[in-house]
C-alpha atoms as a PDB file:
ATOM      1  CA  MET A   1     -31.562 -16.704 -35.318  1.00  0.00           C
ATOM      2  CA  ASP A   2     -30.146 -19.157 -37.739  1.00  0.00           C
ATOM      3  CA  HIS A   3     -33.050 -21.006 -40.543  1.00  0.00           C
ATOM      4  CA  ILE A   4     -30.852 -24.045 -42.304  1.00  0.00           C
ATOM      5  CA  LEU A   5     -31.912 -25.719 -45.133  1.00  0.00           C
ATOM      6  CA  ILE A   6     -31.038 -29.781 -45.210  1.00  0.00           C
ATOM      7  CA  VAL A   7     -31.469 -30.508 -48.679  1.00  0.00           C
ATOM      8  CA  GLY A   8     -31.846 -35.391 -48.692  1.00  0.00           C
ATOM      9  CA  ALA A   9     -33.028 -34.721 -45.132  1.00  0.00           C
ATOM     10  CA  SER A  10     -34.112 -38.613 -44.800  1.00  0.00           C
ATOM     11  CA  GLY A  11     -30.507 -39.870 -46.068  1.00  0.00           C
ATOM     12  CA  VAL A  12     -28.373 -41.296 -43.922  1.00  0.00           C
ATOM     13  CA  LEU A  13     -25.985 -38.025 -43.621  1.00  0.00           C
ATOM     14  CA  GLY A  14     -29.184 -35.404 -44.342  1.00  0.00           C
ATOM     15  CA  SER A  15     -31.456 -37.050 -41.318  1.00  0.00           C
ATOM     16  CA  ALA A  16     -28.123 -37.112 -38.894  1.00  0.00           C
ATOM     17  CA  MET A  17     -27.864 -33.173 -39.471  1.00  0.00           C
ATOM     18  CA  VAL A  18     -31.196 -32.594 -39.120  1.00  0.00           C
ATOM     19  CA  GLU A  19     -31.049 -34.152 -35.898  1.00  0.00           C
ATOM     20  CA  GLU A  20     -28.033 -32.252 -34.813  1.00  0.00           C
ATOM     21  CA  PHE A  21     -28.838 -29.335 -35.758  1.00  0.00           C
ATOM     22  CA  ALA A  22     -32.167 -28.681 -34.469  1.00  0.00           C
ATOM     23  CA  ALA A  23     -30.879 -29.832 -31.125  1.00  0.00           C
ATOM     24  CA  ARG A  24     -28.848 -26.477 -31.415  1.00  0.00           C
ATOM     25  CA  PRO A  25     -30.751 -23.291 -29.754  1.00  0.00           C
ATOM     26  CA  LEU A  26     -31.684 -20.195 -32.009  1.00  0.00           C
ATOM     27  CA  THR A  27     -31.889 -22.431 -35.071  1.00  0.00           C
ATOM     28  CA  THR A  28     -34.925 -23.347 -36.770  1.00  0.00           C
ATOM     29  CA  VAL A  29     -34.253 -26.564 -38.799  1.00  0.00           C
ATOM     30  CA  HIS A  30     -35.918 -26.709 -42.424  1.00  0.00           C
ATOM     31  CA  ALA A  31     -36.323 -30.351 -44.246  1.00  0.00           C
ATOM     32  CA  VAL A  32     -36.745 -31.191 -47.633  1.00  0.00           C
ATOM     33  CA  SER A  33     -37.008 -34.650 -48.694  1.00  0.00           C
ATOM     34  CA  ARG A  34     -38.666 -37.226 -50.782  1.00  0.00           C
ATOM     35  CA  ARG A  35     -40.200 -39.135 -47.083  1.00  0.00           C
ATOM     36  CA  ARG A  36     -39.728 -37.296 -44.008  1.00  0.00           C
ATOM     37  CA  PRO A  37     -36.861 -38.340 -41.660  1.00  0.00           C
ATOM     38  CA  GLU A  38     -37.164 -40.353 -38.831  1.00  0.00           C
ATOM     39  CA  VAL A  39     -35.692 -38.877 -36.265  1.00  0.00           C
ATOM     40  CA  ALA A  40     -36.287 -37.275 -32.797  1.00  0.00           C
ATOM     41  CA  ALA A  41     -36.027 -33.776 -33.271  1.00  0.00           C
ATOM     42  CA  ALA A  42     -38.341 -30.733 -34.488  1.00  0.00           C
ATOM     43  CA  PHE A  43     -38.130 -29.133 -37.075  1.00  0.00           C
ATOM     44  CA  ASP A  44     -40.224 -28.057 -40.912  1.00  0.00           C
ATOM     45  CA  PHE A  45     -40.856 -30.728 -43.476  1.00  0.00           C
ATOM     46  CA  VAL A  46     -41.150 -30.099 -46.642  1.00  0.00           C
ATOM     47  CA  PRO A  47     -42.041 -33.041 -49.053  1.00  0.00           C
ATOM     48  CA  LEU A  48     -40.345 -32.007 -52.354  1.00  0.00           C
ATOM     49  CA  ASP A  49     -38.879 -33.868 -55.484  1.00  0.00           C
ATOM     50  CA  LEU A  50     -36.593 -32.253 -56.931  1.00  0.00           C
ATOM     51  CA  ASP A  51     -36.785 -33.223 -59.798  1.00  0.00           C
ATOM     52  CA  ASP A  52     -39.551 -30.276 -60.262  1.00  0.00           C
ATOM     53  CA  GLU A  53     -38.261 -27.146 -60.598  1.00  0.00           C
ATOM     54  CA  ALA A  54     -41.491 -25.616 -59.820  1.00  0.00           C
ATOM     55  CA  ALA A  55     -41.992 -27.446 -56.641  1.00  0.00           C
ATOM     56  CA  CYS A  56     -38.910 -26.060 -55.449  1.00  0.00           C
ATOM     57  CA  ALA A  57     -39.085 -23.048 -56.474  1.00  0.00           C
ATOM     58  CA  ALA A  58     -42.735 -22.164 -54.314  1.00  0.00           C
ATOM     59  CA  ALA A  59     -40.775 -24.183 -51.446  1.00  0.00           C
ATOM     60  CA  ALA A  60     -38.253 -21.868 -51.020  1.00  0.00           C
ATOM     61  CA  ALA A  61     -40.599 -18.953 -51.659  1.00  0.00           C
ATOM     62  CA  ALA A  62     -42.941 -20.302 -48.291  1.00  0.00           C
ATOM     63  CA  MET A  63     -39.473 -20.490 -46.439  1.00  0.00           C
ATOM     64  CA  PRO A  64     -38.415 -17.850 -44.354  1.00  0.00           C
ATOM     65  CA  PRO A  65     -34.782 -16.000 -45.680  1.00  0.00           C
ATOM     66  CA  ILE A  66     -32.318 -19.223 -45.215  1.00  0.00           C
ATOM     67  CA  SER A  67     -28.814 -18.514 -43.563  1.00  0.00           C
ATOM     68  CA  HIS A  68     -27.657 -22.065 -44.414  1.00  0.00           C
ATOM     69  CA  ALA A  69     -27.899 -24.440 -46.604  1.00  0.00           C
ATOM     70  CA  ILE A  70     -26.726 -28.592 -46.356  1.00  0.00           C
ATOM     71  CA  TYR A  71     -26.985 -30.254 -50.148  1.00  0.00           C
ATOM     72  CA  ALA A  72     -26.913 -34.102 -48.471  1.00  0.00           C
ATOM     73  CA  ALA A  73     -29.231 -35.286 -51.770  1.00  0.00           C
ATOM     74  CA  VAL A  74     -29.157 -37.311 -54.117  1.00  0.00           C
ATOM     75  CA  ALA A  75     -30.376 -39.380 -57.834  1.00  0.00           C
ATOM     76  CA  GLU A  76     -28.641 -42.688 -58.435  1.00  0.00           C
ATOM     77  CA  ALA A  77     -28.788 -44.741 -60.929  1.00  0.00           C
ATOM     78  CA  GLU A  78     -29.087 -48.952 -60.515  1.00  0.00           C
ATOM     79  CA  GLY A  79     -25.993 -50.172 -59.938  1.00  0.00           C
ATOM     80  CA  LEU A  80     -25.190 -46.799 -58.061  1.00  0.00           C
ATOM     81  CA  VAL A  81     -21.153 -46.610 -59.387  1.00  0.00           C
ATOM     82  CA  GLY A  82     -22.186 -46.349 -62.970  1.00  0.00           C
ATOM     83  CA  GLY A  83     -24.289 -43.787 -62.245  1.00  0.00           C
ATOM     84  CA  TRP A  84     -21.360 -41.617 -61.399  1.00  0.00           C
ATOM     85  CA  HIS A  85     -19.844 -41.675 -64.734  1.00  0.00           C
ATOM     86  CA  ASP A  86     -23.157 -41.442 -66.844  1.00  0.00           C
ATOM     87  CA  ARG A  87     -23.589 -37.688 -68.174  1.00  0.00           C
ATOM     88  CA  ALA A  88     -27.911 -37.758 -67.825  1.00  0.00           C
ATOM     89  CA  MET A  89     -27.649 -38.765 -63.802  1.00  0.00           C
ATOM     90  CA  MET A  90     -24.753 -35.932 -63.798  1.00  0.00           C
ATOM     91  CA  GLN A  91     -27.001 -34.048 -65.230  1.00  0.00           C
ATOM     92  CA  ARG A  92     -30.434 -34.637 -63.187  1.00  0.00           C
ATOM     93  CA  ASN A  93     -28.393 -34.330 -60.165  1.00  0.00           C
ATOM     94  CA  LEU A  94     -27.138 -30.617 -61.021  1.00  0.00           C
ATOM     95  CA  ALA A  95     -30.409 -29.909 -62.288  1.00  0.00           C
ATOM     96  CA  MET A  96     -31.854 -30.969 -59.012  1.00  0.00           C
ATOM     97  CA  MET A  97     -29.241 -28.897 -57.253  1.00  0.00           C
ATOM     98  CA  ALA A  98     -29.856 -26.012 -58.964  1.00  0.00           C
ATOM     99  CA  ASN A  99     -33.821 -26.873 -58.381  1.00  0.00           C
ATOM    100  CA  ILE A 100     -33.804 -25.882 -55.057  1.00  0.00           C
ATOM    101  CA  LEU A 101     -30.950 -24.000 -54.090  1.00  0.00           C
ATOM    102  CA  GLY A 102     -31.341 -21.119 -57.064  1.00  0.00           C
ATOM    103  CA  PRO A 103     -34.523 -19.905 -55.702  1.00  0.00           C
ATOM    104  CA  VAL A 104     -33.049 -19.963 -52.116  1.00  0.00           C
ATOM    105  CA  ALA A 105     -29.393 -17.904 -53.157  1.00  0.00           C
ATOM    106  CA  ARG A 106     -31.344 -15.281 -55.122  1.00  0.00           C
ATOM    107  CA  SER A 107     -33.070 -14.712 -51.093  1.00  0.00           C
ATOM    108  CA  GLY A 108     -29.609 -12.929 -50.802  1.00  0.00           C
ATOM    109  CA  ALA A 109     -29.665 -14.660 -47.177  1.00  0.00           C
ATOM    110  CA  LEU A 110     -27.322 -17.378 -47.661  1.00  0.00           C
ATOM    111  CA  ARG A 111     -24.282 -16.850 -45.677  1.00  0.00           C
ATOM    112  CA  HIS A 112     -22.685 -21.010 -46.123  1.00  0.00           C
ATOM    113  CA  LEU A 113     -23.664 -23.592 -48.298  1.00  0.00           C
ATOM    114  CA  VAL A 114     -21.943 -27.299 -47.663  1.00  0.00           C
ATOM    115  CA  VAL A 115     -22.589 -29.965 -50.224  1.00  0.00           C
ATOM    116  CA  MET A 116     -22.208 -33.298 -48.821  1.00  0.00           C
ATOM    117  CA  GLN A 117     -21.641 -36.324 -50.275  1.00  0.00           C
ATOM    118  CA  GLY A 118     -22.380 -40.418 -49.198  1.00  0.00           C
ATOM    119  CA  THR A 119     -21.376 -43.553 -50.611  1.00  0.00           C
ATOM    120  CA  LYS A 120     -18.574 -41.709 -52.755  1.00  0.00           C
ATOM    121  CA  ALA A 121     -16.685 -40.360 -49.837  1.00  0.00           C
ATOM    122  CA  TYR A 122     -17.039 -43.655 -48.022  1.00  0.00           C
ATOM    123  CA  GLY A 123     -15.120 -45.573 -50.869  1.00  0.00           C
ATOM    124  CA  ALA A 124     -17.672 -47.887 -51.273  1.00  0.00           C
ATOM    125  CA  HIS A 125     -16.549 -47.813 -54.950  1.00  0.00           C
ATOM    126  CA  VAL A 126     -13.068 -48.814 -53.876  1.00  0.00           C
END
């Protein structure tokens, strides 16, 4: 049984991943985001603020060992593109990622991690 963690599960990419992986046999999807993804699939959901290090550690500890993780979360600044060059936003996003993936990785079960991009991957900055 694979346990897949999808971080940023209510976004465009995250919700698509929830729907895709929840349909696979022998897979349990654990979704975290501030809002519940609006998808027609069975999955475990934990409302989570990735800025809260203690809440992330508690959420990770309550999950079964995670074998796969997809990170699709992002904090964006006003004006979107400007935040991509803002050191404070970069540090915030790095901290958010570390807050959840650190405890997950320390469990020792993580075999695969995918980091997804959103609007930059679509060329919105061009």
